[in-house]
Amino acid sequence: MDLSIIVPVYNTEKFLEECLLSIFKSGVEINRFEVIVVNDGSTDNSFSIIKKYAQLYPNISVINQPNMGLSKARNNALKIATGKYILFLDADDYLINIDSLFALLDTAILHNLEMIRFEYLGVDECGHKLFDAPNLEKKRIYENKIENGLFLLEHIYQFDFYACIFLFQRHFISNSGVLFKEGAYFEDIEFVLNLSLMAKKTLYRGETLYAYRQHSSSIVHTFSEKKVNDVIELTASVRKLINKNKSLSAKIIQLLRNNETRLLTTVLLRIADSSLYPCRKKLYGLFKKNDIKKIYLTANAKEFIIALLFNIFGQYVINILHPFVLLKTSIKNGK
């Protein structure tokens, strides 16, 4: 078995058929790959759709579990996966060119690669293209070079730590001991980062093979107290990782700090929003709990200003941001 495609599903009946059909739009023999679909306690019609496709395609395996979250679903699927390589596919997304993906898989097998990174594009709820991945042309010069994971970190990732835009060698994952952090949001960042630090043989290919759907109910477009907590804990964890790995180049450290600043300034803006503003003291306490006293300044003007205000005024930055966030919301809503 060459490839295991892992598809966690939770209440995605609207998009699930398109996701599953994108896997089978190919002349690739089905004995080359398996599809492990994890129904994570869906309460809509998702499980009926899963059963329908499992009857149509004998290489689909189904795990039916209570709702335990995306990370647990992926980790459980990894336990039974048999493919040489792993592809994670979210149930509201879809594959663009499965034949090219298998050509890439053949390259991975030929060179015994631990990770291959490819590209994606953003689409709306109807599948219409919204944007390409950033800096595609600039990254072309790094294609088809077999390098270690630090090379990918330094030249390719930027802000894109999505687990779904990689082929991972299964034995590499199992030998690394790295799993998705269960019960946490933004789990892809630590997973991809830790594997990249360990990888000795990786490759980048600039082909766009994955459609990443943007919609209002997706994890990255909604915010809650739990997500604030997870972003802050993730930041603390990445800071420890930077301090631990003395071999990281200045460019990689800067990249990780830029990602950190983007996440933390987004969190501050969300806390300043009307929905989380009443909890501001409690949420700001999470910064203190994780010893985050400073946010690194970046070249992005908005992030620079918010980070600078945080570094000067501490928790009171939320009060400063609050009227501006309200004004922006009012303008956006046409009020």
C-alpha atoms as a PDB file:
ATOM      1  CA  MET A   1       0.000   0.000   0.000  1.00  0.00           C
ATOM      2  CA  ASP A   2       1.547   3.272  -1.140  1.00  0.00           C
ATOM      3  CA  LEU A   3      -0.705   5.913   0.404  1.00  0.00           C
ATOM      4  CA  SER A   4      -3.125   6.327   3.296  1.00  0.00           C
ATOM      5  CA  ILE A   5      -5.487   9.303   2.944  1.00  0.00           C
ATOM      6  CA  ILE A   6      -6.891  10.297   6.341  1.00  0.00           C
ATOM      7  CA  VAL A   7     -10.197  12.215   6.337  1.00  0.00           C
ATOM      8  CA  PRO A   8     -11.591  13.336   9.728  1.00  0.00           C
ATOM      9  CA  VAL A   9     -15.293  14.231   9.518  1.00  0.00           C
ATOM     10  CA  TYR A  10     -17.425  16.290  11.864  1.00  0.00           C
ATOM     11  CA  ASN A  11     -20.730  17.723  10.585  1.00  0.00           C
ATOM     12  CA  THR A  12     -19.492  18.466   7.066  1.00  0.00           C
ATOM     13  CA  GLU A  13     -22.400  17.011   5.070  1.00  0.00           C
ATOM     14  CA  LYS A  14     -22.403  20.104   2.841  1.00  0.00           C
ATOM     15  CA  PHE A  15     -18.885  19.464   1.541  1.00  0.00           C
ATOM     16  CA  LEU A  16     -18.148  15.800   2.224  1.00  0.00           C
ATOM     17  CA  GLU A  17     -19.200  14.305  -1.120  1.00  0.00           C
ATOM     18  CA  GLU A  18     -17.055  16.746  -3.059  1.00  0.00           C
ATOM     19  CA  CYS A  19     -14.136  15.882  -0.779  1.00  0.00           C
ATOM     20  CA  LEU A  20     -14.484  12.112  -1.250  1.00  0.00           C
ATOM     21  CA  LEU A  21     -15.172  12.330  -4.988  1.00  0.00           C
ATOM     22  CA  SER A  22     -11.979  14.362  -5.466  1.00  0.00           C
ATOM     23  CA  ILE A  23      -9.991  11.344  -4.248  1.00  0.00           C
ATOM     24  CA  PHE A  24     -11.466   8.985  -6.798  1.00  0.00           C
ATOM     25  CA  LYS A  25     -11.333  11.268  -9.878  1.00  0.00           C
ATOM     26  CA  SER A  26      -8.346   9.372 -11.164  1.00  0.00           C
ATOM     27  CA  GLY A  27      -7.162   6.406 -13.127  1.00  0.00           C
ATOM     28  CA  VAL A  28      -4.979   5.331 -10.205  1.00  0.00           C
ATOM     29  CA  GLU A  29      -5.560   1.715  -9.194  1.00  0.00           C
ATOM     30  CA  ILE A  30      -7.402   1.594  -5.892  1.00  0.00           C
ATOM     31  CA  ASN A  31      -5.052  -1.063  -4.521  1.00  0.00           C
ATOM     32  CA  ARG A  32      -2.344   1.629  -4.379  1.00  0.00           C
ATOM     33  CA  PHE A  33      -4.126   3.619  -1.687  1.00  0.00           C
ATOM     34  CA  GLU A  34      -6.547   3.448   1.202  1.00  0.00           C
ATOM     35  CA  VAL A  35      -8.907   6.088   2.530  1.00  0.00           C
ATOM     36  CA  ILE A  36      -9.479   6.149   6.295  1.00  0.00           C
ATOM     37  CA  VAL A  37     -12.567   8.203   7.106  1.00  0.00           C
ATOM     38  CA  VAL A  38     -13.044   9.053  10.782  1.00  0.00           C
ATOM     39  CA  ASN A  39     -16.573  10.045  11.745  1.00  0.00           C
ATOM     40  CA  ASP A  40     -15.912  12.161  14.826  1.00  0.00           C
ATOM     41  CA  GLY A  41     -19.395  11.998  16.353  1.00  0.00           C
ATOM     42  CA  SER A  42     -21.197  13.870  13.552  1.00  0.00           C
ATOM     43  CA  THR A  43     -24.796  14.792  14.300  1.00  0.00           C
ATOM     44  CA  ASP A  44     -25.784  15.686  10.722  1.00  0.00           C
ATOM     45  CA  ASN A  45     -25.994  13.425   7.667  1.00  0.00           C
ATOM     46  CA  SER A  46     -22.217  12.961   7.368  1.00  0.00           C
ATOM     47  CA  PHE A  47     -22.155   9.357   8.588  1.00  0.00           C
ATOM     48  CA  SER A  48     -24.784   8.313   6.026  1.00  0.00           C
ATOM     49  CA  ILE A  49     -22.632   9.818   3.275  1.00  0.00           C
ATOM     50  CA  ILE A  50     -19.576   7.995   4.623  1.00  0.00           C
ATOM     51  CA  LYS A  51     -21.414   4.648   4.622  1.00  0.00           C
ATOM     52  CA  LYS A  52     -22.600   5.262   1.049  1.00  0.00           C
ATOM     53  CA  TYR A  53     -19.059   5.779  -0.248  1.00  0.00           C
ATOM     54  CA  ALA A  54     -17.651   2.923   1.837  1.00  0.00           C
ATOM     55  CA  GLN A  55     -20.066   0.622  -0.026  1.00  0.00           C
ATOM     56  CA  LEU A  56     -18.968   2.039  -3.385  1.00  0.00           C
ATOM     57  CA  TYR A  57     -15.212   1.833  -2.809  1.00  0.00           C
ATOM     58  CA  PRO A  58     -13.642  -1.192  -1.080  1.00  0.00           C
ATOM     59  CA  ASN A  59     -10.500   0.741  -0.119  1.00  0.00           C
ATOM     60  CA  ILE A  60     -12.416   3.011   2.269  1.00  0.00           C
ATOM     61  CA  SER A  61     -12.133   2.122   5.958  1.00  0.00           C
ATOM     62  CA  VAL A  62     -14.364   3.799   8.511  1.00  0.00           C
ATOM     63  CA  ILE A  63     -13.696   4.674  12.143  1.00  0.00           C
ATOM     64  CA  ASN A  64     -16.832   5.738  14.004  1.00  0.00           C
ATOM     65  CA  GLN A  65     -16.045   7.446  17.305  1.00  0.00           C
ATOM     66  CA  PRO A  66     -17.653   9.891  19.768  1.00  0.00           C
ATOM     67  CA  ASN A  67     -16.729  13.507  19.206  1.00  0.00           C
ATOM     68  CA  MET A  68     -13.131  13.818  20.401  1.00  0.00           C
ATOM     69  CA  GLY A  69     -11.753  16.465  18.060  1.00  0.00           C
ATOM     70  CA  LEU A  70      -9.663  16.688  14.910  1.00  0.00           C
ATOM     71  CA  SER A  71      -6.372  15.694  16.527  1.00  0.00           C
ATOM     72  CA  LYS A  72      -7.757  12.544  18.139  1.00  0.00           C
ATOM     73  CA  ALA A  73      -9.422  11.567  14.858  1.00  0.00           C
ATOM     74  CA  ARG A  74      -6.134  11.930  12.950  1.00  0.00           C
ATOM     75  CA  ASN A  75      -4.135  10.111  15.632  1.00  0.00           C
ATOM     76  CA  ASN A  76      -6.603   7.209  15.690  1.00  0.00           C
ATOM     77  CA  ALA A  77      -6.411   6.909  11.918  1.00  0.00           C
ATOM     78  CA  LEU A  78      -2.606   6.877  12.050  1.00  0.00           C
ATOM     79  CA  LYS A  79      -2.800   3.815  14.314  1.00  0.00           C
ATOM     80  CA  ILE A  80      -4.418   1.704  11.573  1.00  0.00           C
ATOM     81  CA  ALA A  81      -2.840   3.284   8.481  1.00  0.00           C
ATOM     82  CA  THR A  82      -0.796   0.892   6.308  1.00  0.00           C
ATOM     83  CA  GLY A  83       0.389   3.154   3.486  1.00  0.00           C
ATOM     84  CA  LYS A  84       4.019   4.059   2.950  1.00  0.00           C
ATOM     85  CA  TYR A  85       2.941   7.703   2.983  1.00  0.00           C
ATOM     86  CA  ILE A  86       0.226   9.703   4.728  1.00  0.00           C
ATOM     87  CA  LEU A  87      -1.946  12.499   3.345  1.00  0.00           C
ATOM     88  CA  PHE A  88      -4.306  14.417   5.640  1.00  0.00           C
ATOM     89  CA  LEU A  89      -7.428  15.728   3.925  1.00  0.00           C
ATOM     90  CA  ASP A  90      -9.985  17.813   5.803  1.00  0.00           C
ATOM     91  CA  ALA A  91     -13.588  16.953   4.970  1.00  0.00           C
ATOM     92  CA  ASP A  92     -14.520  20.497   3.899  1.00  0.00           C
ATOM     93  CA  ASP A  93     -11.577  20.674   1.482  1.00  0.00           C
ATOM     94  CA  TYR A  94     -10.783  18.690  -1.659  1.00  0.00           C
ATOM     95  CA  LEU A  95      -7.935  17.532  -3.878  1.00  0.00           C
ATOM     96  CA  ILE A  96      -7.401  19.324  -7.179  1.00  0.00           C
ATOM     97  CA  ASN A  97      -5.275  16.882  -9.165  1.00  0.00           C
ATOM     98  CA  ILE A  98      -5.045  13.391  -7.736  1.00  0.00           C
ATOM     99  CA  ASP A  99      -2.980  12.102 -10.675  1.00  0.00           C
ATOM    100  CA  SER A 100      -0.284  14.719 -10.037  1.00  0.00           C
ATOM    101  CA  LEU A 101      -0.413  13.831  -6.361  1.00  0.00           C
ATOM    102  CA  PHE A 102       0.396  10.213  -7.171  1.00  0.00           C
ATOM    103  CA  ALA A 103       3.225  11.311  -9.482  1.00  0.00           C
ATOM    104  CA  LEU A 104       4.578  13.204  -6.484  1.00  0.00           C
ATOM    105  CA  LEU A 105       4.087  10.110  -4.352  1.00  0.00           C
ATOM    106  CA  ASP A 106       6.185   8.093  -6.816  1.00  0.00           C
ATOM    107  CA  THR A 107       8.969  10.655  -6.383  1.00  0.00           C
ATOM    108  CA  ALA A 108       8.736  10.297  -2.607  1.00  0.00           C
ATOM    109  CA  ILE A 109       8.958   6.503  -2.824  1.00  0.00           C
ATOM    110  CA  LEU A 110      11.838   6.599  -5.325  1.00  0.00           C
ATOM    111  CA  HIS A 111      13.984   8.865  -3.132  1.00  0.00           C
ATOM    112  CA  ASN A 112      12.776   7.564   0.260  1.00  0.00           C
ATOM    113  CA  LEU A 113      11.708  11.070   1.262  1.00  0.00           C
ATOM    114  CA  GLU A 114      10.357  11.782   4.724  1.00  0.00           C
ATOM    115  CA  MET A 115       8.286  14.826   3.744  1.00  0.00           C
ATOM    116  CA  ILE A 116       7.147  16.454   0.504  1.00  0.00           C
ATOM    117  CA  ARG A 117       5.556  19.882   0.599  1.00  0.00           C
ATOM    118  CA  PHE A 118       3.234  20.970  -2.236  1.00  0.00           C
ATOM    119  CA  GLU A 119       0.941  23.977  -2.733  1.00  0.00           C
ATOM    120  CA  TYR A 120      -2.692  24.917  -2.253  1.00  0.00           C
ATOM    121  CA  LEU A 121      -5.233  27.541  -3.198  1.00  0.00           C
ATOM    122  CA  GLY A 122      -8.080  29.075  -1.217  1.00  0.00           C
ATOM    123  CA  VAL A 123     -11.670  28.621  -2.389  1.00  0.00           C
ATOM    124  CA  ASP A 124     -15.008  29.900  -1.130  1.00  0.00           C
ATOM    125  CA  GLU A 125     -17.942  27.782   0.008  1.00  0.00           C
ATOM    126  CA  CYS A 126     -18.960  27.173  -3.611  1.00  0.00           C
ATOM    127  CA  GLY A 127     -15.453  26.157  -4.683  1.00  0.00           C
ATOM    128  CA  HIS A 128     -14.643  29.399  -6.502  1.00  0.00           C
ATOM    129  CA  LYS A 129     -11.000  30.390  -6.330  1.00  0.00           C
ATOM    130  CA  LEU A 130     -10.194  33.144  -3.835  1.00  0.00           C
ATOM    131  CA  PHE A 131      -6.397  33.198  -3.782  1.00  0.00           C
ATOM    132  CA  ASP A 132      -3.199  31.303  -4.542  1.00  0.00           C
ATOM    133  CA  ALA A 133      -0.690  30.338  -1.884  1.00  0.00           C
ATOM    134  CA  PRO A 134       1.730  33.233  -1.259  1.00  0.00           C
ATOM    135  CA  ASN A 135       4.946  33.810  -3.229  1.00  0.00           C
ATOM    136  CA  LEU A 136       4.561  30.881  -5.625  1.00  0.00           C
ATOM    137  CA  GLU A 137       6.949  32.293  -8.207  1.00  0.00           C
ATOM    138  CA  LYS A 138       9.610  33.201  -5.644  1.00  0.00           C
ATOM    139  CA  LYS A 139       9.566  29.648  -4.297  1.00  0.00           C
ATOM    140  CA  ARG A 140      10.101  28.035  -7.719  1.00  0.00           C
ATOM    141  CA  ILE A 141      13.881  28.224  -7.344  1.00  0.00           C
ATOM    142  CA  TYR A 142      13.654  25.802  -4.398  1.00  0.00           C
ATOM    143  CA  GLU A 143      11.763  23.078  -6.258  1.00  0.00           C
ATOM    144  CA  ASN A 144      13.056  19.511  -6.593  1.00  0.00           C
ATOM    145  CA  LYS A 145      15.964  19.932  -4.196  1.00  0.00           C
ATOM    146  CA  ILE A 146      16.355  17.148  -1.668  1.00  0.00           C
ATOM    147  CA  GLU A 147      17.209  18.929   1.578  1.00  0.00           C
ATOM    148  CA  ASN A 148      16.522  18.612   5.280  1.00  0.00           C
ATOM    149  CA  GLY A 149      13.454  20.011   7.008  1.00  0.00           C
ATOM    150  CA  LEU A 150      15.256  23.179   8.057  1.00  0.00           C
ATOM    151  CA  PHE A 151      15.499  24.067   4.358  1.00  0.00           C
ATOM    152  CA  LEU A 152      11.703  23.937   4.049  1.00  0.00           C
ATOM    153  CA  LEU A 153      11.311  25.982   7.221  1.00  0.00           C
ATOM    154  CA  GLU A 154      13.691  28.654   6.008  1.00  0.00           C
ATOM    155  CA  HIS A 155      12.546  29.012   2.404  1.00  0.00           C
ATOM    156  CA  ILE A 156       9.029  27.624   1.948  1.00  0.00           C
ATOM    157  CA  TYR A 157       6.635  27.700   4.894  1.00  0.00           C
ATOM    158  CA  GLN A 158       6.258  31.387   5.755  1.00  0.00           C
ATOM    159  CA  PHE A 159       2.852  31.315   7.513  1.00  0.00           C
ATOM    160  CA  ASP A 160       1.671  28.011   6.029  1.00  0.00           C
ATOM    161  CA  PHE A 161       1.997  25.209   8.581  1.00  0.00           C
ATOM    162  CA  TYR A 162      -0.976  23.192   7.271  1.00  0.00           C
ATOM    163  CA  ALA A 163      -0.529  19.445   7.722  1.00  0.00           C
ATOM    164  CA  CYS A 164      -2.733  18.855   4.670  1.00  0.00           C
ATOM    165  CA  ILE A 165      -0.212  20.182   2.144  1.00  0.00           C
ATOM    166  CA  PHE A 166       2.386  17.488   2.782  1.00  0.00           C
ATOM    167  CA  LEU A 167       3.022  13.869   2.037  1.00  0.00           C
ATOM    168  CA  PHE A 168       4.529  12.362   5.192  1.00  0.00           C
ATOM    169  CA  GLN A 169       6.381   9.064   5.274  1.00  0.00           C
ATOM    170  CA  ARG A 170       4.425   6.925   7.745  1.00  0.00           C
ATOM    171  CA  HIS A 171       7.471   5.277   9.342  1.00  0.00           C
ATOM    172  CA  PHE A 172       9.044   8.709   9.770  1.00  0.00           C
ATOM    173  CA  ILE A 173       6.003   9.880  11.747  1.00  0.00           C
ATOM    174  CA  SER A 174       5.871   6.751  13.894  1.00  0.00           C
ATOM    175  CA  ASN A 175       9.632   6.779  14.592  1.00  0.00           C
ATOM    176  CA  SER A 176       9.552  10.474  15.484  1.00  0.00           C
ATOM    177  CA  GLY A 177       6.980   9.986  18.223  1.00  0.00           C
ATOM    178  CA  VAL A 178       5.235  13.159  17.044  1.00  0.00           C
ATOM    179  CA  LEU A 179       1.436  13.167  17.166  1.00  0.00           C
ATOM    180  CA  PHE A 180      -1.210  15.856  16.940  1.00  0.00           C
ATOM    181  CA  LYS A 181      -1.791  17.540  20.293  1.00  0.00           C
ATOM    182  CA  GLU A 182      -5.194  16.341  21.387  1.00  0.00           C
ATOM    183  CA  GLY A 183      -7.830  18.693  22.731  1.00  0.00           C
ATOM    184  CA  ALA A 184      -6.147  21.742  21.197  1.00  0.00           C
ATOM    185  CA  TYR A 185      -6.769  24.019  18.233  1.00  0.00           C
ATOM    186  CA  PHE A 186      -3.995  25.056  15.805  1.00  0.00           C
ATOM    187  CA  GLU A 187      -2.462  21.616  16.251  1.00  0.00           C
ATOM    188  CA  ASP A 188      -0.933  21.606  12.761  1.00  0.00           C
ATOM    189  CA  ILE A 189       1.732  24.150  13.676  1.00  0.00           C
ATOM    190  CA  GLU A 190       3.494  22.069  16.332  1.00  0.00           C
ATOM    191  CA  PHE A 191       3.047  18.855  14.342  1.00  0.00           C
ATOM    192  CA  VAL A 192       4.604  20.222  11.149  1.00  0.00           C
ATOM    193  CA  LEU A 193       7.271  22.196  13.004  1.00  0.00           C
ATOM    194  CA  ASN A 194       8.482  19.262  15.096  1.00  0.00           C
ATOM    195  CA  LEU A 195       8.618  16.897  12.117  1.00  0.00           C
ATOM    196  CA  SER A 196      10.442  19.510  10.033  1.00  0.00           C
ATOM    197  CA  LEU A 197      13.118  19.863  12.707  1.00  0.00           C
ATOM    198  CA  MET A 198      13.711  16.089  12.577  1.00  0.00           C
ATOM    199  CA  ALA A 199      13.490  15.479   8.827  1.00  0.00           C
ATOM    200  CA  LYS A 200      16.686  14.700   6.913  1.00  0.00           C
ATOM    201  CA  LYS A 201      15.199  14.182   3.420  1.00  0.00           C
ATOM    202  CA  THR A 202      12.498  16.533   2.202  1.00  0.00           C
ATOM    203  CA  LEU A 203      11.481  18.092  -1.092  1.00  0.00           C
ATOM    204  CA  TYR A 204       9.361  21.008  -2.256  1.00  0.00           C
ATOM    205  CA  ARG A 205       7.181  20.889  -5.373  1.00  0.00           C
ATOM    206  CA  GLY A 206       5.240  24.005  -6.368  1.00  0.00           C
ATOM    207  CA  GLU A 207       2.259  22.185  -7.860  1.00  0.00           C
ATOM    208  CA  THR A 208      -1.142  23.263  -6.555  1.00  0.00           C
ATOM    209  CA  LEU A 209      -2.858  20.055  -5.441  1.00  0.00           C
ATOM    210  CA  TYR A 210      -5.078  21.055  -2.526  1.00  0.00           C
ATOM    211  CA  ALA A 211      -8.167  23.295  -2.276  1.00  0.00           C
ATOM    212  CA  TYR A 212      -8.461  24.902   1.145  1.00  0.00           C
ATOM    213  CA  ARG A 213     -12.026  26.059   1.735  1.00  0.00           C
ATOM    214  CA  GLN A 214     -12.736  29.331   3.512  1.00  0.00           C
ATOM    215  CA  HIS A 215     -16.099  29.464   5.266  1.00  0.00           C
ATOM    216  CA  SER A 216     -17.569  31.180   8.284  1.00  0.00           C
ATOM    217  CA  SER A 217     -17.876  28.066  10.472  1.00  0.00           C
ATOM    218  CA  SER A 218     -14.340  26.742   9.922  1.00  0.00           C
ATOM    219  CA  ILE A 219     -11.963  26.522  12.887  1.00  0.00           C
ATOM    220  CA  VAL A 220      -9.709  29.365  11.716  1.00  0.00           C
ATOM    221  CA  HIS A 221     -12.577  31.807  11.121  1.00  0.00           C
ATOM    222  CA  THR A 222     -14.249  31.579  14.518  1.00  0.00           C
ATOM    223  CA  PHE A 223     -12.814  32.413  17.938  1.00  0.00           C
ATOM    224  CA  SER A 224     -13.536  31.446  21.542  1.00  0.00           C
ATOM    225  CA  GLU A 225     -11.921  31.467  24.973  1.00  0.00           C
ATOM    226  CA  LYS A 226     -10.582  27.985  24.231  1.00  0.00           C
ATOM    227  CA  LYS A 227      -8.862  29.146  21.047  1.00  0.00           C
ATOM    228  CA  VAL A 228      -7.325  32.129  22.842  1.00  0.00           C
ATOM    229  CA  ASN A 229      -5.923  29.746  25.433  1.00  0.00           C
ATOM    230  CA  ASP A 230      -4.565  27.368  22.783  1.00  0.00           C
ATOM    231  CA  VAL A 231      -2.852  30.141  20.798  1.00  0.00           C
ATOM    232  CA  ILE A 232      -1.133  31.436  23.928  1.00  0.00           C
ATOM    233  CA  GLU A 233      -0.031  27.949  24.996  1.00  0.00           C
ATOM    234  CA  LEU A 234       1.207  27.269  21.452  1.00  0.00           C
ATOM    235  CA  THR A 235       3.255  30.474  21.540  1.00  0.00           C
ATOM    236  CA  ALA A 236       4.852  29.472  24.837  1.00  0.00           C
ATOM    237  CA  SER A 237       5.635  26.026  23.433  1.00  0.00           C
ATOM    238  CA  VAL A 238       7.256  27.423  20.267  1.00  0.00           C
ATOM    239  CA  ARG A 239       9.350  29.830  22.328  1.00  0.00           C
ATOM    240  CA  LYS A 240      10.655  26.911  24.371  1.00  0.00           C
ATOM    241  CA  LEU A 241      11.394  25.017  21.166  1.00  0.00           C
ATOM    242  CA  ILE A 242      13.411  27.959  19.790  1.00  0.00           C
ATOM    243  CA  ASN A 243      15.441  28.180  22.997  1.00  0.00           C
ATOM    244  CA  LYS A 244      16.057  24.422  22.936  1.00  0.00           C
ATOM    245  CA  ASN A 245      17.222  24.215  19.289  1.00  0.00           C
ATOM    246  CA  LYS A 246      20.455  26.190  19.099  1.00  0.00           C
ATOM    247  CA  SER A 247      21.029  25.147  15.462  1.00  0.00           C
ATOM    248  CA  LEU A 248      18.141  27.231  14.112  1.00  0.00           C
ATOM    249  CA  SER A 249      19.238  29.970  11.732  1.00  0.00           C
ATOM    250  CA  ALA A 250      18.358  33.599  12.345  1.00  0.00           C
ATOM    251  CA  LYS A 251      15.989  33.460   9.368  1.00  0.00           C
ATOM    252  CA  ILE A 252      14.053  30.488  10.810  1.00  0.00           C
ATOM    253  CA  ILE A 253      13.836  32.131  14.221  1.00  0.00           C
ATOM    254  CA  GLN A 254      12.534  35.309  12.589  1.00  0.00           C
ATOM    255  CA  LEU A 255       9.951  33.311  10.621  1.00  0.00           C
ATOM    256  CA  LEU A 256       8.700  31.589  13.780  1.00  0.00           C
ATOM    257  CA  ARG A 257       8.530  34.898  15.606  1.00  0.00           C
ATOM    258  CA  ASN A 258       6.603  36.460  12.720  1.00  0.00           C
ATOM    259  CA  ASN A 259       4.088  33.612  12.951  1.00  0.00           C
ATOM    260  CA  GLU A 260       3.901  34.067  16.710  1.00  0.00           C
ATOM    261  CA  THR A 261       3.269  37.811  16.371  1.00  0.00           C
ATOM    262  CA  ARG A 262       0.545  37.270  13.789  1.00  0.00           C
ATOM    263  CA  LEU A 263      -1.237  34.810  16.100  1.00  0.00           C
ATOM    264  CA  LEU A 264      -0.891  36.903  19.263  1.00  0.00           C
ATOM    265  CA  THR A 265      -1.972  40.181  17.669  1.00  0.00           C
ATOM    266  CA  THR A 266      -4.988  38.384  16.193  1.00  0.00           C
ATOM    267  CA  VAL A 267      -5.803  37.103  19.683  1.00  0.00           C
ATOM    268  CA  LEU A 268      -5.603  40.613  21.155  1.00  0.00           C
ATOM    269  CA  LEU A 269      -7.957  41.924  18.477  1.00  0.00           C
ATOM    270  CA  ARG A 270     -10.380  39.084  19.163  1.00  0.00           C
ATOM    271  CA  ILE A 271     -10.338  39.766  22.907  1.00  0.00           C
ATOM    272  CA  ALA A 272     -11.037  43.432  22.131  1.00  0.00           C
ATOM    273  CA  ASP A 273     -14.095  42.397  20.112  1.00  0.00           C
ATOM    274  CA  SER A 274     -17.516  42.665  21.779  1.00  0.00           C
ATOM    275  CA  SER A 275     -17.998  38.888  22.127  1.00  0.00           C
ATOM    276  CA  LEU A 276     -14.859  38.278  24.229  1.00  0.00           C
ATOM    277  CA  TYR A 277     -14.335  41.756  25.716  1.00  0.00           C
ATOM    278  CA  PRO A 278     -16.290  40.985  28.936  1.00  0.00           C
ATOM    279  CA  CYS A 279     -13.770  38.165  29.615  1.00  0.00           C
ATOM    280  CA  ARG A 280     -10.718  40.326  28.919  1.00  0.00           C
ATOM    281  CA  LYS A 281      -9.178  40.164  32.407  1.00  0.00           C
ATOM    282  CA  LYS A 282      -9.459  36.389  32.536  1.00  0.00           C
ATOM    283  CA  LEU A 283      -8.060  35.976  29.011  1.00  0.00           C
ATOM    284  CA  TYR A 284      -5.225  38.427  29.559  1.00  0.00           C
ATOM    285  CA  GLY A 285      -4.328  36.366  32.617  1.00  0.00           C
ATOM    286  CA  LEU A 286      -3.380  33.578  30.202  1.00  0.00           C
ATOM    287  CA  PHE A 287      -0.571  35.787  28.887  1.00  0.00           C
ATOM    288  CA  LYS A 288       0.787  36.133  32.426  1.00  0.00           C
ATOM    289  CA  LYS A 289       0.318  32.438  33.176  1.00  0.00           C
ATOM    290  CA  ASN A 290       2.463  31.535  30.147  1.00  0.00           C
ATOM    291  CA  ASP A 291       5.020  34.280  30.875  1.00  0.00           C
ATOM    292  CA  ILE A 292       4.339  36.194  27.658  1.00  0.00           C
ATOM    293  CA  LYS A 293       5.437  39.717  28.561  1.00  0.00           C
ATOM    294  CA  LYS A 294       6.567  40.809  25.127  1.00  0.00           C
ATOM    295  CA  ILE A 295       5.461  40.388  21.519  1.00  0.00           C
ATOM    296  CA  TYR A 296       8.153  40.587  18.860  1.00  0.00           C
ATOM    297  CA  LEU A 297       7.895  43.520  16.453  1.00  0.00           C
ATOM    298  CA  THR A 298       7.529  42.678  12.766  1.00  0.00           C
ATOM    299  CA  ALA A 299       7.511  44.577   9.476  1.00  0.00           C
ATOM    300  CA  ASN A 300       3.718  44.301   9.162  1.00  0.00           C
ATOM    301  CA  ALA A 301       2.386  47.754  10.114  1.00  0.00           C
ATOM    302  CA  LYS A 302      -0.795  46.633  11.913  1.00  0.00           C
ATOM    303  CA  GLU A 303       0.983  43.862  13.816  1.00  0.00           C
ATOM    304  CA  PHE A 304       3.849  46.223  14.677  1.00  0.00           C
ATOM    305  CA  ILE A 305       1.492  48.804  16.228  1.00  0.00           C
ATOM    306  CA  ILE A 306      -0.488  46.239  18.241  1.00  0.00           C
ATOM    307  CA  ALA A 307       2.680  44.506  19.458  1.00  0.00           C
ATOM    308  CA  LEU A 308       4.258  47.839  20.420  1.00  0.00           C
ATOM    309  CA  LEU A 309       1.135  48.883  22.340  1.00  0.00           C
ATOM    310  CA  PHE A 310       1.145  45.530  24.143  1.00  0.00           C
ATOM    311  CA  ASN A 311       4.816  45.906  25.061  1.00  0.00           C
ATOM    312  CA  ILE A 312       4.169  49.407  26.480  1.00  0.00           C
ATOM    313  CA  PHE A 313       0.723  49.139  28.062  1.00  0.00           C
ATOM    314  CA  GLY A 314       0.346  45.423  28.801  1.00  0.00           C
ATOM    315  CA  GLN A 315      -3.246  44.348  29.447  1.00  0.00           C
ATOM    316  CA  TYR A 316      -4.562  47.868  28.818  1.00  0.00           C
ATOM    317  CA  VAL A 317      -3.874  47.431  25.103  1.00  0.00           C
ATOM    318  CA  ILE A 318      -7.212  45.574  24.947  1.00  0.00           C
ATOM    319  CA  ASN A 319      -9.034  48.678  26.223  1.00  0.00           C
ATOM    320  CA  ILE A 320      -7.176  50.799  23.664  1.00  0.00           C
ATOM    321  CA  LEU A 321      -8.092  48.453  20.806  1.00  0.00           C
ATOM    322  CA  HIS A 322     -11.731  47.981  21.833  1.00  0.00           C
ATOM    323  CA  PRO A 323     -13.234  51.176  20.288  1.00  0.00           C
ATOM    324  CA  PHE A 324     -11.293  50.666  17.043  1.00  0.00           C
ATOM    325  CA  VAL A 325     -12.543  47.080  16.741  1.00  0.00           C
ATOM    326  CA  LEU A 326     -16.120  48.231  17.397  1.00  0.00           C
ATOM    327  CA  LEU A 327     -15.772  50.967  14.771  1.00  0.00           C
ATOM    328  CA  LYS A 328     -14.433  48.512  12.191  1.00  0.00           C
ATOM    329  CA  THR A 329     -17.294  46.106  12.924  1.00  0.00           C
ATOM    330  CA  SER A 330     -19.861  48.897  12.572  1.00  0.00           C
ATOM    331  CA  ILE A 331     -18.409  50.003   9.239  1.00  0.00           C
ATOM    332  CA  LYS A 332     -18.301  46.414   8.007  1.00  0.00           C
ATOM    333  CA  ASN A 333     -21.954  45.909   8.960  1.00  0.00           C
ATOM    334  CA  GLY A 334     -22.952  49.202   7.380  1.00  0.00           C
ATOM    335  CA  LYS A 335     -24.186  50.742  10.614  1.00  0.00           C
END
